[in-house]
């Protein structure tokens, strides 16, 4: 008997319990990195000590995550993600910039993500 549909379970960090509340204080760096790596298996997270947090475009948080898209996809993809700074909440969103960068990627490399110190 073949299986036509497979149940896809969401990672723990992308559930509502794992997403930080709006305007919450920034969690420790290792905790934020763990949330990102748990939610997205295809990310490479590093720390940028010169990343200055600002207000996120969503208006509900402070930017603490920088996502880099795949440069090879830029000429062929409309609205390609090159670089985006967002709050942890937006980064963990199931259709946020990390997901978009992975979806637009033309390579098998991990998506590069930086977090503020």
N, C-alpha and C. Protein backbone atom coordinates (compact mmCIF):
# COMPACT_ATOMS: atom_id res chain seq x y z
N UNK A 1 0.84 -1.17 0.00
CA UNK A 1 0.00 0.00 0.00
C UNK A 1 0.89 1.24 0.00
N UNK A 2 0.68 2.11 -0.95
CA UNK A 2 1.49 3.32 -1.02
C UNK A 2 0.79 4.46 -0.29
N UNK A 3 1.58 5.38 0.18
CA UNK A 3 1.07 6.52 0.92
C UNK A 3 1.02 7.72 -0.01
N UNK A 4 -0.16 8.25 -0.21
CA UNK A 4 -0.32 9.40 -1.08
C UNK A 4 -0.01 10.70 -0.37
N UNK A 5 -0.37 10.77 0.88
CA UNK A 5 -0.17 12.01 1.64
C UNK A 5 0.65 11.70 2.87
N UNK A 6 1.57 12.58 3.15
CA UNK A 6 2.38 12.43 4.33
C UNK A 6 2.06 13.57 5.26
N UNK A 7 1.92 13.29 6.52
CA UNK A 7 1.64 14.35 7.49
C UNK A 7 2.93 15.11 7.77
N UNK A 8 2.86 16.42 7.60
CA UNK A 8 4.01 17.27 7.85
C UNK A 8 3.78 17.97 9.18
N UNK A 9 4.69 17.76 10.09
CA UNK A 9 4.57 18.41 11.39
C UNK A 9 5.45 19.64 11.41
N UNK A 10 4.96 20.67 12.03
CA UNK A 10 5.72 21.91 12.14
C UNK A 10 6.77 21.77 13.23
N UNK A 11 7.94 22.40 13.04
CA UNK A 11 8.95 22.38 14.10
C UNK A 11 8.43 23.08 15.35
N UNK A 12 9.00 22.72 16.48
CA UNK A 12 8.53 23.26 17.76
C UNK A 12 8.65 24.77 17.86
N UNK A 13 9.71 25.36 17.32
CA UNK A 13 9.92 26.80 17.48
C UNK A 13 8.94 27.63 16.68
N UNK A 14 8.34 27.07 15.64
CA UNK A 14 7.41 27.87 14.85
C UNK A 14 5.98 27.79 15.40
N UNK A 15 5.78 27.06 16.48
CA UNK A 15 4.47 27.06 17.12
C UNK A 15 4.33 28.36 17.91
N UNK A 16 3.14 28.70 18.29
CA UNK A 16 2.91 29.95 18.99
C UNK A 16 3.68 30.04 20.30
N UNK A 17 3.88 28.93 20.97
CA UNK A 17 4.60 28.95 22.24
C UNK A 17 6.07 29.32 22.05
N UNK A 18 6.64 29.02 20.88
CA UNK A 18 8.05 29.29 20.65
C UNK A 18 8.33 30.66 20.08
N UNK A 19 7.31 31.37 19.61
CA UNK A 19 7.50 32.68 19.01
C UNK A 19 7.40 33.74 20.10
N UNK A 20 8.40 34.63 20.17
CA UNK A 20 8.38 35.65 21.23
C UNK A 20 7.20 36.61 21.09
N UNK A 21 6.78 37.14 22.21
CA UNK A 21 5.70 38.13 22.22
C UNK A 21 6.19 39.44 21.61
N UNK A 22 5.26 40.24 21.04
CA UNK A 22 5.67 41.54 20.51
C UNK A 22 6.26 42.42 21.61
N UNK A 23 7.29 43.16 21.25
CA UNK A 23 7.98 44.11 22.15
C UNK A 23 8.62 43.43 23.36
N UNK A 24 8.87 42.14 23.28
CA UNK A 24 9.53 41.44 24.37
C UNK A 24 11.02 41.79 24.36
N UNK A 25 11.66 41.68 25.50
CA UNK A 25 13.10 41.89 25.56
C UNK A 25 13.79 40.80 24.76
N UNK A 26 14.97 41.12 24.23
CA UNK A 26 15.70 40.14 23.46
C UNK A 26 16.19 39.02 24.37
N UNK A 27 15.99 37.81 23.95
CA UNK A 27 16.46 36.65 24.70
C UNK A 27 17.98 36.55 24.56
N UNK A 28 18.64 35.76 25.39
CA UNK A 28 20.08 35.57 25.23
C UNK A 28 20.41 35.03 23.83
N UNK A 29 21.60 35.33 23.36
CA UNK A 29 22.01 34.99 21.99
C UNK A 29 21.89 33.49 21.72
N UNK A 30 22.37 32.67 22.63
CA UNK A 30 22.33 31.22 22.39
C UNK A 30 20.90 30.70 22.30
N UNK A 31 19.99 31.30 23.04
CA UNK A 31 18.58 30.89 22.97
C UNK A 31 17.96 31.28 21.63
N UNK A 32 18.28 32.49 21.15
CA UNK A 32 17.75 32.94 19.86
C UNK A 32 18.29 32.09 18.72
N UNK A 33 19.57 31.74 18.79
CA UNK A 33 20.16 30.89 17.75
C UNK A 33 19.51 29.51 17.77
N UNK A 34 19.30 28.97 18.95
CA UNK A 34 18.66 27.65 19.07
C UNK A 34 17.24 27.66 18.49
N UNK A 35 16.48 28.73 18.72
CA UNK A 35 15.14 28.82 18.16
C UNK A 35 15.18 28.82 16.64
N UNK A 36 16.11 29.58 16.06
CA UNK A 36 16.21 29.64 14.60
C UNK A 36 16.64 28.30 14.00
N UNK A 37 17.61 27.65 14.63
CA UNK A 37 18.09 26.37 14.12
C UNK A 37 17.05 25.27 14.30
N UNK A 38 16.25 25.37 15.33
CA UNK A 38 15.20 24.38 15.55
C UNK A 38 14.06 24.55 14.56
N UNK A 39 13.74 25.78 14.22
CA UNK A 39 12.63 26.04 13.31
C UNK A 39 12.99 25.77 11.86
N UNK A 40 14.24 26.03 11.48
CA UNK A 40 14.66 25.89 10.09
C UNK A 40 15.95 25.08 10.05
N UNK A 41 15.88 23.90 9.44
CA UNK A 41 17.05 23.02 9.39
C UNK A 41 18.11 23.53 8.42
N UNK A 42 17.76 24.39 7.50
CA UNK A 42 18.66 24.78 6.43
C UNK A 42 19.28 26.16 6.64
N UNK A 43 19.49 26.57 7.88
CA UNK A 43 20.09 27.87 8.16
C UNK A 43 21.48 27.70 8.77
N UNK A 44 22.33 28.66 8.50
CA UNK A 44 23.63 28.75 9.15
C UNK A 44 23.63 30.08 9.90
N UNK A 45 23.59 30.02 11.22
CA UNK A 45 23.45 31.21 12.05
C UNK A 45 24.81 31.62 12.61
N UNK A 46 25.12 32.91 12.47
CA UNK A 46 26.34 33.45 13.06
C UNK A 46 25.99 34.72 13.83
N UNK A 47 26.92 35.20 14.62
CA UNK A 47 26.70 36.39 15.45
C UNK A 47 27.45 37.56 14.83
N UNK A 48 26.75 38.68 14.66
CA UNK A 48 27.36 39.91 14.16
C UNK A 48 27.42 40.90 15.33
N UNK A 49 28.62 41.16 15.79
CA UNK A 49 28.79 42.05 16.95
C UNK A 49 28.54 43.51 16.60
N UNK A 50 28.52 43.85 15.32
CA UNK A 50 28.30 45.23 14.88
C UNK A 50 26.86 45.48 14.43
N UNK A 51 25.98 44.51 14.59
CA UNK A 51 24.57 44.62 14.19
C UNK A 51 23.87 45.52 15.22
N UNK A 52 23.38 46.66 14.77
CA UNK A 52 22.69 47.60 15.65
C UNK A 52 21.18 47.38 15.51
N UNK A 53 20.50 46.93 16.57
CA UNK A 53 19.06 46.70 16.50
C UNK A 53 18.28 48.00 16.30
N UNK A 54 17.24 47.93 15.48
CA UNK A 54 16.33 49.05 15.23
C UNK A 54 14.91 48.53 15.30
N UNK A 55 13.93 49.39 15.05
CA UNK A 55 12.54 48.95 15.02
C UNK A 55 12.29 48.11 13.77
N UNK A 56 11.58 47.02 13.95
CA UNK A 56 11.24 46.13 12.84
C UNK A 56 10.14 46.77 11.98
N UNK A 57 10.08 46.39 10.72
CA UNK A 57 9.05 46.89 9.81
C UNK A 57 7.64 46.52 10.27
N UNK A 58 7.51 45.42 11.01
CA UNK A 58 6.19 44.99 11.47
C UNK A 58 5.65 45.92 12.55
N UNK A 59 6.52 46.70 13.19
CA UNK A 59 6.10 47.63 14.23
C UNK A 59 5.89 47.00 15.58
N UNK A 60 6.25 45.72 15.73
CA UNK A 60 5.99 45.03 16.99
C UNK A 60 7.26 44.49 17.65
N UNK A 61 8.42 44.80 17.11
CA UNK A 61 9.63 44.24 17.69
C UNK A 61 10.87 45.01 17.30
N UNK A 62 12.00 44.51 17.75
CA UNK A 62 13.30 45.10 17.47
C UNK A 62 14.08 44.16 16.58
N UNK A 63 14.67 44.70 15.52
CA UNK A 63 15.42 43.85 14.60
C UNK A 63 16.58 43.19 15.33
N UNK A 64 16.66 41.89 15.21
CA UNK A 64 17.76 41.15 15.83
C UNK A 64 18.25 40.04 14.91
N UNK A 65 17.63 39.90 13.73
CA UNK A 65 17.99 38.85 12.78
C UNK A 65 18.18 39.48 11.41
N UNK A 66 19.29 39.13 10.76
CA UNK A 66 19.54 39.58 9.38
C UNK A 66 19.60 38.33 8.50
N UNK A 67 18.78 38.31 7.45
CA UNK A 67 18.69 37.16 6.55
C UNK A 67 19.27 37.56 5.20
N UNK A 68 20.14 36.71 4.67
CA UNK A 68 20.72 36.93 3.34
C UNK A 68 20.11 35.93 2.38
N UNK A 69 19.64 36.42 1.24
CA UNK A 69 19.09 35.55 0.22
C UNK A 69 20.17 34.98 -0.67
N UNK A 70 19.77 34.19 -1.63
CA UNK A 70 20.68 33.58 -2.59
C UNK A 70 20.90 34.55 -3.73
N UNK A 71 22.13 35.04 -3.88
CA UNK A 71 22.43 36.05 -4.90
C UNK A 71 22.21 35.52 -6.31
N UNK A 72 22.31 34.20 -6.52
CA UNK A 72 22.14 33.65 -7.86
C UNK A 72 20.69 33.69 -8.32
N UNK A 73 19.74 33.86 -7.38
CA UNK A 73 18.32 33.89 -7.75
C UNK A 73 17.85 35.28 -8.14
N UNK A 74 18.64 36.31 -7.85
CA UNK A 74 18.20 37.69 -8.04
C UNK A 74 17.79 38.01 -9.48
N UNK A 75 18.57 37.65 -10.52
CA UNK A 75 18.14 38.03 -11.87
C UNK A 75 16.87 37.35 -12.34
N UNK A 76 16.59 36.14 -11.85
CA UNK A 76 15.48 35.36 -12.37
C UNK A 76 14.21 35.41 -11.54
N UNK A 77 14.29 35.89 -10.32
CA UNK A 77 13.14 35.84 -9.41
C UNK A 77 12.63 37.26 -9.16
N UNK A 78 11.34 37.45 -9.37
CA UNK A 78 10.74 38.74 -9.03
C UNK A 78 10.68 38.87 -7.51
N UNK A 79 10.95 40.06 -7.01
CA UNK A 79 10.89 40.33 -5.57
C UNK A 79 11.82 39.39 -4.79
N UNK A 80 13.03 39.20 -5.30
CA UNK A 80 13.99 38.30 -4.64
C UNK A 80 14.50 38.93 -3.35
N UNK A 81 14.70 38.11 -2.36
CA UNK A 81 15.23 38.56 -1.08
C UNK A 81 16.75 38.58 -1.17
N UNK A 82 17.36 39.74 -0.98
CA UNK A 82 18.82 39.87 -0.99
C UNK A 82 19.32 39.97 0.45
N UNK A 83 18.77 40.92 1.21
CA UNK A 83 19.12 41.10 2.61
C UNK A 83 17.94 41.73 3.33
N UNK A 84 17.60 41.18 4.49
CA UNK A 84 16.44 41.69 5.24
C UNK A 84 16.74 41.61 6.72
N UNK A 85 16.46 42.70 7.44
CA UNK A 85 16.61 42.73 8.89
C UNK A 85 15.22 42.72 9.52
N UNK A 86 14.98 41.75 10.39
CA UNK A 86 13.67 41.59 11.02
C UNK A 86 13.84 41.24 12.49
N UNK A 87 12.72 41.27 13.21
CA UNK A 87 12.73 40.85 14.60
C UNK A 87 12.68 39.31 14.66
N UNK A 88 12.92 38.77 15.83
CA UNK A 88 12.92 37.31 16.00
C UNK A 88 11.55 36.73 15.67
N UNK A 89 10.50 37.45 16.02
CA UNK A 89 9.13 37.00 15.76
C UNK A 89 8.89 36.86 14.26
N UNK A 90 9.29 37.86 13.48
CA UNK A 90 9.11 37.81 12.02
C UNK A 90 9.99 36.72 11.41
N UNK A 91 11.20 36.54 11.95
CA UNK A 91 12.11 35.53 11.42
C UNK A 91 11.55 34.12 11.63
N UNK A 92 10.86 33.89 12.75
CA UNK A 92 10.31 32.57 13.04
C UNK A 92 8.97 32.32 12.37
N UNK A 93 8.41 33.32 11.72
CA UNK A 93 7.11 33.17 11.06
C UNK A 93 7.22 32.12 9.96
N UNK A 94 6.22 31.24 9.84
CA UNK A 94 6.29 30.16 8.84
C UNK A 94 6.49 30.65 7.40
N UNK A 95 6.07 31.86 7.07
CA UNK A 95 6.28 32.38 5.71
C UNK A 95 7.10 33.67 5.77
N UNK A 96 8.04 33.74 6.71
CA UNK A 96 8.89 34.90 6.89
C UNK A 96 10.06 34.92 5.93
N UNK A 97 11.02 35.81 6.16
CA UNK A 97 12.14 35.97 5.23
C UNK A 97 13.07 34.76 5.14
N UNK A 98 13.20 33.98 6.20
CA UNK A 98 14.06 32.79 6.12
C UNK A 98 13.42 31.77 5.20
N UNK A 99 12.13 31.57 5.35
CA UNK A 99 11.41 30.66 4.46
C UNK A 99 11.49 31.16 3.02
N UNK A 100 11.31 32.46 2.82
CA UNK A 100 11.36 33.04 1.48
C UNK A 100 12.74 32.85 0.85
N UNK A 101 13.80 33.08 1.63
CA UNK A 101 15.15 32.90 1.11
C UNK A 101 15.40 31.44 0.74
N UNK A 102 14.92 30.52 1.55
CA UNK A 102 15.06 29.10 1.23
C UNK A 102 14.27 28.69 0.01
N UNK A 103 13.09 29.26 -0.14
CA UNK A 103 12.24 28.95 -1.28
C UNK A 103 12.85 29.48 -2.58
N UNK A 104 13.49 30.64 -2.53
CA UNK A 104 14.06 31.25 -3.72
C UNK A 104 15.47 30.76 -4.03
N UNK A 105 16.08 30.04 -3.13
CA UNK A 105 17.46 29.61 -3.31
C UNK A 105 17.60 28.67 -4.49
N UNK A 106 18.67 28.86 -5.24
CA UNK A 106 18.95 28.00 -6.39
C UNK A 106 20.11 27.05 -6.08
N UNK A 107 20.54 27.02 -4.87
CA UNK A 107 21.68 26.17 -4.51
C UNK A 107 21.30 25.30 -3.32
N UNK A 108 22.19 24.39 -2.99
CA UNK A 108 21.94 23.52 -1.84
C UNK A 108 22.65 24.03 -0.59
N UNK A 109 23.18 25.26 -0.66
CA UNK A 109 23.84 25.86 0.51
C UNK A 109 22.80 26.26 1.55
N UNK A 110 23.24 26.32 2.79
CA UNK A 110 22.37 26.81 3.85
C UNK A 110 22.13 28.31 3.68
N UNK A 111 21.00 28.78 4.15
CA UNK A 111 20.67 30.20 4.14
C UNK A 111 21.49 30.86 5.25
N UNK A 112 22.15 31.95 4.93
CA UNK A 112 22.98 32.65 5.91
C UNK A 112 22.13 33.60 6.73
N UNK A 113 22.20 33.46 8.04
CA UNK A 113 21.44 34.27 8.98
C UNK A 113 22.41 34.80 10.04
N UNK A 114 22.26 36.08 10.37
CA UNK A 114 23.07 36.67 11.43
C UNK A 114 22.15 37.19 12.52
N UNK A 115 22.61 37.12 13.76
CA UNK A 115 21.86 37.67 14.88
C UNK A 115 22.74 38.70 15.57
N UNK A 116 22.09 39.66 16.24
CA UNK A 116 22.84 40.68 16.97
C UNK A 116 23.33 40.08 18.28
N UNK A 117 24.42 40.65 18.79
CA UNK A 117 25.03 40.15 20.03
C UNK A 117 24.25 40.60 21.25
